PDB file of N, CA and C in Angstrom:
ATOM      1  N   MET A   1    -117.100 -43.273  76.286  1.00  0.00           N
ATOM      2  CA  MET A   1    -116.584 -43.587  77.600  1.00  0.00           C
ATOM      3  C   MET A   1    -117.754 -43.754  78.563  1.00  0.00           C
ATOM      4  N   LYS A   2    -117.796 -44.856  79.251  1.00  0.00           N
ATOM      5  CA  LYS A   2    -118.865 -45.138  80.197  1.00  0.00           C
ATOM      6  C   LYS A   2    -118.416 -44.728  81.601  1.00  0.00           C
ATOM      7  N   HIS A   3    -119.253 -43.933  82.241  1.00  0.00           N
ATOM      8  CA  HIS A   3    -118.964 -43.519  83.611  1.00  0.00           C
ATOM      9  C   HIS A   3    -119.918 -44.251  84.533  1.00  0.00           C
ATOM     10  N   GLU A   4    -119.376 -44.806  85.586  1.00  0.00           N
ATOM     11  CA  GLU A   4    -120.182 -45.594  86.507  1.00  0.00           C
ATOM     12  C   GLU A   4    -120.375 -44.864  87.824  1.00  0.00           C
ATOM     13  N   ARG A   5    -121.507 -45.146  88.405  1.00  0.00           N
ATOM     14  CA  ARG A   5    -121.766 -44.688  89.766  1.00  0.00           C
ATOM     15  C   ARG A   5    -122.160 -45.919  90.560  1.00  0.00           C
ATOM     16  N   THR A   6    -121.411 -46.203  91.583  1.00  0.00           N
ATOM     17  CA  THR A   6    -121.738 -47.342  92.429  1.00  0.00           C
ATOM     18  C   THR A   6    -121.700 -46.903  93.881  1.00  0.00           C
ATOM     19  N   PHE A   7    -122.490 -47.561  94.687  1.00  0.00           N
ATOM     20  CA  PHE A   7    -122.519 -47.273  96.114  1.00  0.00           C
ATOM     21  C   PHE A   7    -121.681 -48.306  96.841  1.00  0.00           C
ATOM     22  N   THR A   8    -120.887 -47.847  97.764  1.00  0.00           N
ATOM     23  CA  THR A   8    -120.193 -48.741  98.677  1.00  0.00           C
ATOM     24  C   THR A   8    -120.756 -48.464 100.060  1.00  0.00           C
ATOM     25  N   ARG A   9    -120.298 -49.199 100.988  1.00  0.00           N
ATOM     26  CA  ARG A   9    -120.770 -49.002 102.361  1.00  0.00           C
ATOM     27  C   ARG A   9    -120.420 -47.605 102.872  1.00  0.00           C
ATOM     28  N   ASP A  10    -119.289 -47.076 102.449  1.00  0.00           N
ATOM     29  CA  ASP A  10    -118.806 -45.812 102.979  1.00  0.00           C
ATOM     30  C   ASP A  10    -119.233 -44.587 102.177  1.00  0.00           C
ATOM     31  N   HIS A  11    -119.272 -44.702 100.864  1.00  0.00           N
ATOM     32  CA  HIS A  11    -119.568 -43.518 100.067  1.00  0.00           C
ATOM     33  C   HIS A  11    -119.922 -43.887  98.631  1.00  0.00           C
ATOM     34  N   LEU A  12    -120.303 -42.878  97.909  1.00  0.00           N
ATOM     35  CA  LEU A  12    -120.634 -43.031  96.500  1.00  0.00           C
ATOM     36  C   LEU A  12    -119.358 -42.887  95.676  1.00  0.00           C
ATOM     37  N   ILE A  13    -119.137 -43.826  94.772  1.00  0.00           N
ATOM     38  CA  ILE A  13    -117.971 -43.751  93.899  1.00  0.00           C
ATOM     39  C   ILE A  13    -118.448 -43.292  92.523  1.00  0.00           C
ATOM     40  N   VAL A  14    -117.893 -42.197  92.046  1.00  0.00           N
ATOM     41  CA  VAL A  14    -118.241 -41.663  90.735  1.00  0.00           C
ATOM     42  C   VAL A  14    -116.960 -41.586  89.931  1.00  0.00           C
ATOM     43  N   SER A  15    -116.964 -42.212  88.764  1.00  0.00           N
ATOM     44  CA  SER A  15    -115.733 -42.240  87.972  1.00  0.00           C
ATOM     45  C   SER A  15    -115.542 -40.986  87.123  1.00  0.00           C
ATOM     46  N   ASP A  16    -116.599 -40.248  86.841  1.00  0.00           N
ATOM     47  CA  ASP A  16    -116.485 -39.024  86.041  1.00  0.00           C
ATOM     48  C   ASP A  16    -116.052 -37.879  86.961  1.00  0.00           C
ATOM     49  N   PRO A  17    -114.868 -37.297  86.738  1.00  0.00           N
ATOM     50  CA  PRO A  17    -114.362 -36.242  87.625  1.00  0.00           C
ATOM     51  C   PRO A  17    -115.281 -35.017  87.685  1.00  0.00           C
ATOM     52  N   TYR A  18    -115.915 -34.667  86.578  1.00  0.00           N
ATOM     53  CA  TYR A  18    -116.801 -33.504  86.562  1.00  0.00           C
ATOM     54  C   TYR A  18    -118.021 -33.753  87.454  1.00  0.00           C
ATOM     55  N   ILE A  19    -118.629 -34.922  87.308  1.00  0.00           N
ATOM     56  CA  ILE A  19    -119.801 -35.252  88.118  1.00  0.00           C
ATOM     57  C   ILE A  19    -119.415 -35.341  89.589  1.00  0.00           C
ATOM     58  N   ARG A  20    -118.261 -35.937  89.871  1.00  0.00           N
ATOM     59  CA  ARG A  20    -117.794 -36.036  91.260  1.00  0.00           C
ATOM     60  C   ARG A  20    -117.627 -34.646  91.872  1.00  0.00           C
ATOM     61  N   LYS A  21    -117.022 -33.732  91.110  1.00  0.00           N
ATOM     62  CA  LYS A  21    -116.821 -32.367  91.596  1.00  0.00           C
ATOM     63  C   LYS A  21    -118.165 -31.687  91.850  1.00  0.00           C
ATOM     64  N   GLN A  22    -119.126 -31.866  90.957  1.00  0.00           N
ATOM     65  CA  GLN A  22    -120.447 -31.265  91.130  1.00  0.00           C
ATOM     66  C   GLN A  22    -121.147 -31.813  92.376  1.00  0.00           C
ATOM     67  N   LEU A  23    -121.019 -33.114  92.597  1.00  0.00           N
ATOM     68  CA  LEU A  23    -121.601 -33.719  93.797  1.00  0.00           C
ATOM     69  C   LEU A  23    -120.934 -33.188  95.066  1.00  0.00           C
ATOM     70  N   GLN A  24    -119.621 -33.023  95.013  1.00  0.00           N
ATOM     71  CA  GLN A  24    -118.905 -32.489  96.171  1.00  0.00           C
ATOM     72  C   GLN A  24    -119.335 -31.053  96.458  1.00  0.00           C
ATOM     73  N   LEU A  25    -119.453 -30.243  95.409  1.00  0.00           N
ATOM     74  CA  LEU A  25    -119.885 -28.855  95.589  1.00  0.00           C
ATOM     75  C   LEU A  25    -121.312 -28.790  96.133  1.00  0.00           C
ATOM     76  N   ALA A  26    -122.172 -29.673  95.648  1.00  0.00           N
ATOM     77  CA  ALA A  26    -123.543 -29.728  96.165  1.00  0.00           C
ATOM     78  C   ALA A  26    -123.534 -30.103  97.645  1.00  0.00           C
ATOM     79  N   GLY A  27    -122.672 -31.034  98.021  1.00  0.00           N
ATOM     80  CA  GLY A  27    -122.549 -31.418  99.424  1.00  0.00           C
ATOM     81  C   GLY A  27    -122.086 -30.261 100.287  1.00  0.00           C
ATOM     82  N   LEU A  28    -121.140 -29.490  99.781  1.00  0.00           N
ATOM     83  CA  LEU A  28    -120.655 -28.323 100.527  1.00  0.00           C
ATOM     84  C   LEU A  28    -121.744 -27.263 100.664  1.00  0.00           C
ATOM     85  N   ARG A  29    -122.513 -27.033  99.594  1.00  0.00           N
ATOM     86  CA  ARG A  29    -123.615 -26.068  99.674  1.00  0.00           C
ATOM     87  C   ARG A  29    -124.645 -26.511 100.712  1.00  0.00           C
ATOM     88  N   PHE A  30    -124.929 -27.804 100.745  1.00  0.00           N
ATOM     89  CA  PHE A  30    -125.873 -28.341 101.723  1.00  0.00           C
ATOM     90  C   PHE A  30    -125.355 -28.119 103.143  1.00  0.00           C
ATOM     91  N   MET A  31    -124.086 -28.447 103.374  1.00  0.00           N
ATOM     92  CA  MET A  31    -123.498 -28.260 104.706  1.00  0.00           C
ATOM     93  C   MET A  31    -123.539 -26.791 105.117  1.00  0.00           C
ATOM     94  N   TYR A  32    -123.217 -25.898 104.189  1.00  0.00           N
ATOM     95  CA  TYR A  32    -123.195 -24.468 104.474  1.00  0.00           C
ATOM     96  C   TYR A  32    -124.590 -23.970 104.843  1.00  0.00           C
ATOM     97  N   SER A  33    -125.604 -24.401 104.088  1.00  0.00           N
ATOM     98  CA  SER A  33    -126.966 -23.948 104.384  1.00  0.00           C
ATOM     99  C   SER A  33    -127.426 -24.472 105.742  1.00  0.00           C
ATOM    100  N   ARG A  34    -127.056 -25.696 106.082  1.00  0.00           N
ATOM    101  CA  ARG A  34    -127.433 -26.247 107.382  1.00  0.00           C
ATOM    102  C   ARG A  34    -126.693 -25.533 108.504  1.00  0.00           C
ATOM    103  N   ALA A  35    -125.457 -25.149 108.265  1.00  0.00           N
ATOM    104  CA  ALA A  35    -124.689 -24.416 109.277  1.00  0.00           C
ATOM    105  C   ALA A  35    -125.321 -23.047 109.531  1.00  0.00           C
ATOM    106  N   GLN A  36    -125.765 -22.386 108.466  1.00  0.00           N
ATOM    107  CA  GLN A  36    -126.430 -21.094 108.631  1.00  0.00           C
ATOM    108  C   GLN A  36    -127.724 -21.258 109.428  1.00  0.00           C
ATOM    109  N   TRP A  37    -128.484 -22.298 109.113  1.00  0.00           N
ATOM    110  CA  TRP A  37    -129.735 -22.551 109.826  1.00  0.00           C
ATOM    111  C   TRP A  37    -129.444 -22.815 111.303  1.00  0.00           C
ATOM    112  N   LEU A  38    -128.438 -23.631 111.574  1.00  0.00           N
ATOM    113  CA  LEU A  38    -128.099 -23.973 112.949  1.00  0.00           C
ATOM    114  C   LEU A  38    -127.652 -22.741 113.730  1.00  0.00           C
ATOM    115  N   ALA A  39    -126.857 -21.880 113.098  1.00  0.00           N
ATOM    116  CA  ALA A  39    -126.416 -20.650 113.756  1.00  0.00           C
ATOM    117  C   ALA A  39    -127.615 -19.760 114.077  1.00  0.00           C
ATOM    118  N   HIS A  40    -128.556 -19.670 113.162  1.00  0.00           N
ATOM    119  CA  HIS A  40    -129.761 -18.867 113.395  1.00  0.00           C
ATOM    120  C   HIS A  40    -130.581 -19.443 114.546  1.00  0.00           C
ATOM    121  N   GLU A  41    -130.776 -20.753 114.557  1.00  0.00           N
ATOM    122  CA  GLU A  41    -131.533 -21.391 115.639  1.00  0.00           C
ATOM    123  C   GLU A  41    -130.855 -21.160 116.985  1.00  0.00           C
ATOM    124  N   ALA A  42    -129.538 -21.268 117.021  1.00  0.00           N
ATOM    125  CA  ALA A  42    -128.797 -21.047 118.266  1.00  0.00           C
ATOM    126  C   ALA A  42    -128.975 -19.609 118.753  1.00  0.00           C
ATOM    127  N   LYS A  43    -128.935 -18.667 117.838  1.00  0.00           N
ATOM    128  CA  LYS A  43    -129.111 -17.257 118.202  1.00  0.00           C
ATOM    129  C   LYS A  43    -130.514 -17.017 118.755  1.00  0.00           C
ATOM    130  N   VAL A  44    -131.525 -17.559 118.083  1.00  0.00           N
ATOM    131  CA  VAL A  44    -132.910 -17.388 118.530  1.00  0.00           C
ATOM    132  C   VAL A  44    -133.107 -17.996 119.917  1.00  0.00           C
ATOM    133  N   MET A  45    -132.595 -19.206 120.118  1.00  0.00           N
ATOM    134  CA  MET A  45    -132.748 -19.856 121.423  1.00  0.00           C
ATOM    135  C   MET A  45    -131.972 -19.112 122.507  1.00  0.00           C
ATOM    136  N   GLY A  46    -130.781 -18.647 122.188  1.00  0.00           N
ATOM    137  CA  GLY A  46    -129.985 -17.898 123.157  1.00  0.00           C
ATOM    138  C   GLY A  46    -130.674 -16.616 123.586  1.00  0.00           C
ATOM    139  N   LEU A  47    -131.230 -15.894 122.627  1.00  0.00           N
ATOM    140  CA  LEU A  47    -131.958 -14.670 122.959  1.00  0.00           C
ATOM    141  C   LEU A  47    -133.216 -14.976 123.762  1.00  0.00           C
ATOM    142  N   ALA A  48    -133.880 -16.077 123.438  1.00  0.00           N
ATOM    143  CA  ALA A  48    -135.091 -16.454 124.176  1.00  0.00           C
ATOM    144  C   ALA A  48    -134.765 -16.747 125.636  1.00  0.00           C
ATOM    145  N   VAL A  49    -133.674 -17.439 125.896  1.00  0.00           N
ATOM    146  CA  VAL A  49    -133.273 -17.723 127.278  1.00  0.00           C
ATOM    147  C   VAL A  49    -132.863 -16.428 127.977  1.00  0.00           C
ATOM    148  N   LYS A  50    -132.096 -15.613 127.281  1.00  0.00           N
ATOM    149  CA  LYS A  50    -131.638 -14.348 127.860  1.00  0.00           C
ATOM    150  C   LYS A  50    -132.812 -13.434 128.209  1.00  0.00           C
ATOM    151  N   ASN A  51    -133.833 -13.403 127.345  1.00  0.00           N
ATOM    152  CA  ASN A  51    -134.993 -12.533 127.560  1.00  0.00           C
ATOM    153  C   ASN A  51    -136.053 -13.153 128.463  1.00  0.00           C
ATOM    154  N   GLY A  52    -135.861 -14.408 128.842  1.00  0.00           N
ATOM    155  CA  GLY A  52    -136.801 -15.059 129.741  1.00  0.00           C
ATOM    156  C   GLY A  52    -138.025 -15.654 129.068  1.00  0.00           C
ATOM    157  N   THR A  53    -138.049 -15.720 127.744  1.00  0.00           N
ATOM    158  CA  THR A  53    -139.194 -16.319 127.046  1.00  0.00           C
ATOM    159  C   THR A  53    -139.028 -17.823 126.869  1.00  0.00           C
ATOM    160  N   MET A  54    -137.859 -18.340 127.233  1.00  0.00           N
ATOM    161  CA  MET A  54    -137.606 -19.780 127.211  1.00  0.00           C
ATOM    162  C   MET A  54    -136.825 -20.119 128.472  1.00  0.00           C
ATOM    163  N   THR A  55    -137.231 -21.177 129.144  1.00  0.00           N
ATOM    164  CA  THR A  55    -136.515 -21.592 130.354  1.00  0.00           C
ATOM    165  C   THR A  55    -135.308 -22.445 129.965  1.00  0.00           C
ATOM    166  N   THR A  56    -134.399 -22.607 130.905  1.00  0.00           N
ATOM    167  CA  THR A  56    -133.240 -23.454 130.626  1.00  0.00           C
ATOM    168  C   THR A  56    -133.661 -24.908 130.444  1.00  0.00           C
ATOM    169  N   ALA A  57    -134.728 -25.315 131.123  1.00  0.00           N
ATOM    170  CA  ALA A  57    -135.244 -26.682 130.936  1.00  0.00           C
ATOM    171  C   ALA A  57    -135.799 -26.860 129.522  1.00  0.00           C
ATOM    172  N   GLU A  58    -136.503 -25.834 129.036  1.00  0.00           N
ATOM    173  CA  GLU A  58    -137.012 -25.882 127.658  1.00  0.00           C
ATOM    174  C   GLU A  58    -135.860 -25.900 126.658  1.00  0.00           C
ATOM    175  N   LEU A  59    -134.815 -25.129 126.967  1.00  0.00           N
ATOM    176  CA  LEU A  59    -133.645 -25.109 126.094  1.00  0.00           C
ATOM    177  C   LEU A  59    -132.973 -26.475 126.073  1.00  0.00           C
ATOM    178  N   ASP A  60    -132.822 -27.095 127.243  1.00  0.00           N
ATOM    179  CA  ASP A  60    -132.254 -28.448 127.285  1.00  0.00           C
ATOM    180  C   ASP A  60    -133.078 -29.418 126.440  1.00  0.00           C
ATOM    181  N   ALA A  61    -134.410 -29.308 126.541  1.00  0.00           N
ATOM    182  CA  ALA A  61    -135.286 -30.192 125.760  1.00  0.00           C
ATOM    183  C   ALA A  61    -135.107 -29.950 124.263  1.00  0.00           C
ATOM    184  N   LYS A  62    -135.000 -28.687 123.880  1.00  0.00           N
ATOM    185  CA  LYS A  62    -134.818 -28.352 122.457  1.00  0.00           C
ATOM    186  C   LYS A  62    -133.459 -28.848 121.963  1.00  0.00           C
ATOM    187  N   LEU A  63    -132.423 -28.657 122.768  1.00  0.00           N
ATOM    188  CA  LEU A  63    -131.090 -29.134 122.391  1.00  0.00           C
ATOM    189  C   LEU A  63    -131.058 -30.654 122.293  1.00  0.00           C
ATOM    190  N   GLU A  64    -131.757 -31.312 123.204  1.00  0.00           N
ATOM    191  CA  GLU A  64    -131.849 -32.775 123.162  1.00  0.00           C
ATOM    192  C   GLU A  64    -132.552 -33.223 121.885  1.00  0.00           C
ATOM    193  N   GLU A  65    -133.643 -32.541 121.551  1.00  0.00           N
ATOM    194  CA  GLU A  65    -134.400 -32.850 120.333  1.00  0.00           C
ATOM    195  C   GLU A  65    -133.534 -32.692 119.083  1.00  0.00           C
ATOM    196  N   MET A  66    -132.663 -31.685 119.099  1.00  0.00           N
ATOM    197  CA  MET A  66    -131.790 -31.423 117.951  1.00  0.00           C
ATOM    198  C   MET A  66    -130.564 -32.335 117.934  1.00  0.00           C
ATOM    199  N   GLY A  67    -130.329 -33.054 119.022  1.00  0.00           N
ATOM    200  CA  GLY A  67    -129.170 -33.931 119.100  1.00  0.00           C
ATOM    201  C   GLY A  67    -127.896 -33.226 119.517  1.00  0.00           C
ATOM    202  N   ALA A  68    -128.016 -31.979 119.933  1.00  0.00           N
ATOM    203  CA  ALA A  68    -126.832 -31.196 120.282  1.00  0.00           C
ATOM    204  C   ALA A  68    -126.184 -31.664 121.580  1.00  0.00           C
ATOM    205  N   LEU A  69    -126.989 -32.131 122.519  1.00  0.00           N
ATOM    206  CA  LEU A  69    -126.431 -32.549 123.808  1.00  0.00           C
ATOM    207  C   LEU A  69    -125.499 -33.741 123.652  1.00  0.00           C
ATOM    208  N   ASP A  70    -125.813 -34.619 122.726  1.00  0.00           N
ATOM    209  CA  ASP A  70    -124.951 -35.778 122.481  1.00  0.00           C
ATOM    210  C   ASP A  70    -123.569 -35.348 122.000  1.00  0.00           C
ATOM    211  N   LEU A  71    -123.501 -34.198 121.356  1.00  0.00           N
ATOM    212  CA  LEU A  71    -122.224 -33.698 120.846  1.00  0.00           C
ATOM    213  C   LEU A  71    -121.502 -32.818 121.853  1.00  0.00           C
ATOM    214  N   VAL A  72    -122.263 -32.004 122.574  1.00  0.00           N
ATOM    215  CA  VAL A  72    -121.666 -30.979 123.430  1.00  0.00           C
ATOM    216  C   VAL A  72    -121.215 -31.508 124.784  1.00  0.00           C
ATOM    217  N   TYR A  73    -122.064 -32.249 125.474  1.00  0.00           N
ATOM    218  CA  TYR A  73    -121.734 -32.669 126.834  1.00  0.00           C
ATOM    219  C   TYR A  73    -120.470 -33.525 126.928  1.00  0.00           C
ATOM    220  N   PRO A  74    -120.254 -34.507 126.056  1.00  0.00           N
ATOM    221  CA  PRO A  74    -118.989 -35.254 126.152  1.00  0.00           C
ATOM    222  C   PRO A  74    -117.767 -34.351 125.964  1.00  0.00           C
ATOM    223  N   GLU A  75    -117.891 -33.383 125.081  1.00  0.00           N
ATOM    224  CA  GLU A  75    -116.788 -32.443 124.858  1.00  0.00           C
ATOM    225  C   GLU A  75    -116.535 -31.608 126.109  1.00  0.00           C
ATOM    226  N   LEU A  76    -117.596 -31.164 126.752  1.00  0.00           N
ATOM    227  CA  LEU A  76    -117.448 -30.380 127.981  1.00  0.00           C
ATOM    228  C   LEU A  76    -116.847 -31.214 129.103  1.00  0.00           C
ATOM    229  N   MET A  77    -117.241 -32.467 129.189  1.00  0.00           N
ATOM    230  CA  MET A  77    -116.729 -33.335 130.248  1.00  0.00           C
ATOM    231  C   MET A  77    -115.233 -33.592 130.076  1.00  0.00           C
ATOM    232  N   ARG A  78    -114.752 -33.638 128.843  1.00  0.00           N
ATOM    233  CA  ARG A  78    -113.316 -33.826 128.611  1.00  0.00           C
ATOM    234  C   ARG A  78    -112.525 -32.611 129.039  1.00  0.00           C
ATOM    235  N   CYS A  79    -113.138 -31.430 128.923  1.00  0.00           N
ATOM    236  CA  CYS A  79    -112.450 -30.186 129.268  1.00  0.00           C
ATOM    237  C   CYS A  79    -112.442 -29.925 130.769  1.00  0.00           C
ATOM    238  N   ALA A  80    -113.315 -30.590 131.503  1.00  0.00           N
ATOM    239  CA  ALA A  80    -113.442 -30.330 132.947  1.00  0.00           C
ATOM    240  C   ALA A  80    -112.315 -30.952 133.738  1.00  0.00           C
TER     241      ALA A  80
END
């Protein structure tokens, strides 16, 4: 039985169910590790602002660098 892997514009198509499941699990592990890293970075930055070792302007710059402002500000504006 030949199993194919092809790329489409939207995603990778894998015909072997076992390989597809392994790829999905790897994707979830990647997302989880990045979420843990992001939570840690947020905690460190929050404590730095609270303790006065980072200014709010520096925090804005760091959030901008991380791309967080593009996600957060539109959400906040909808809630206002």
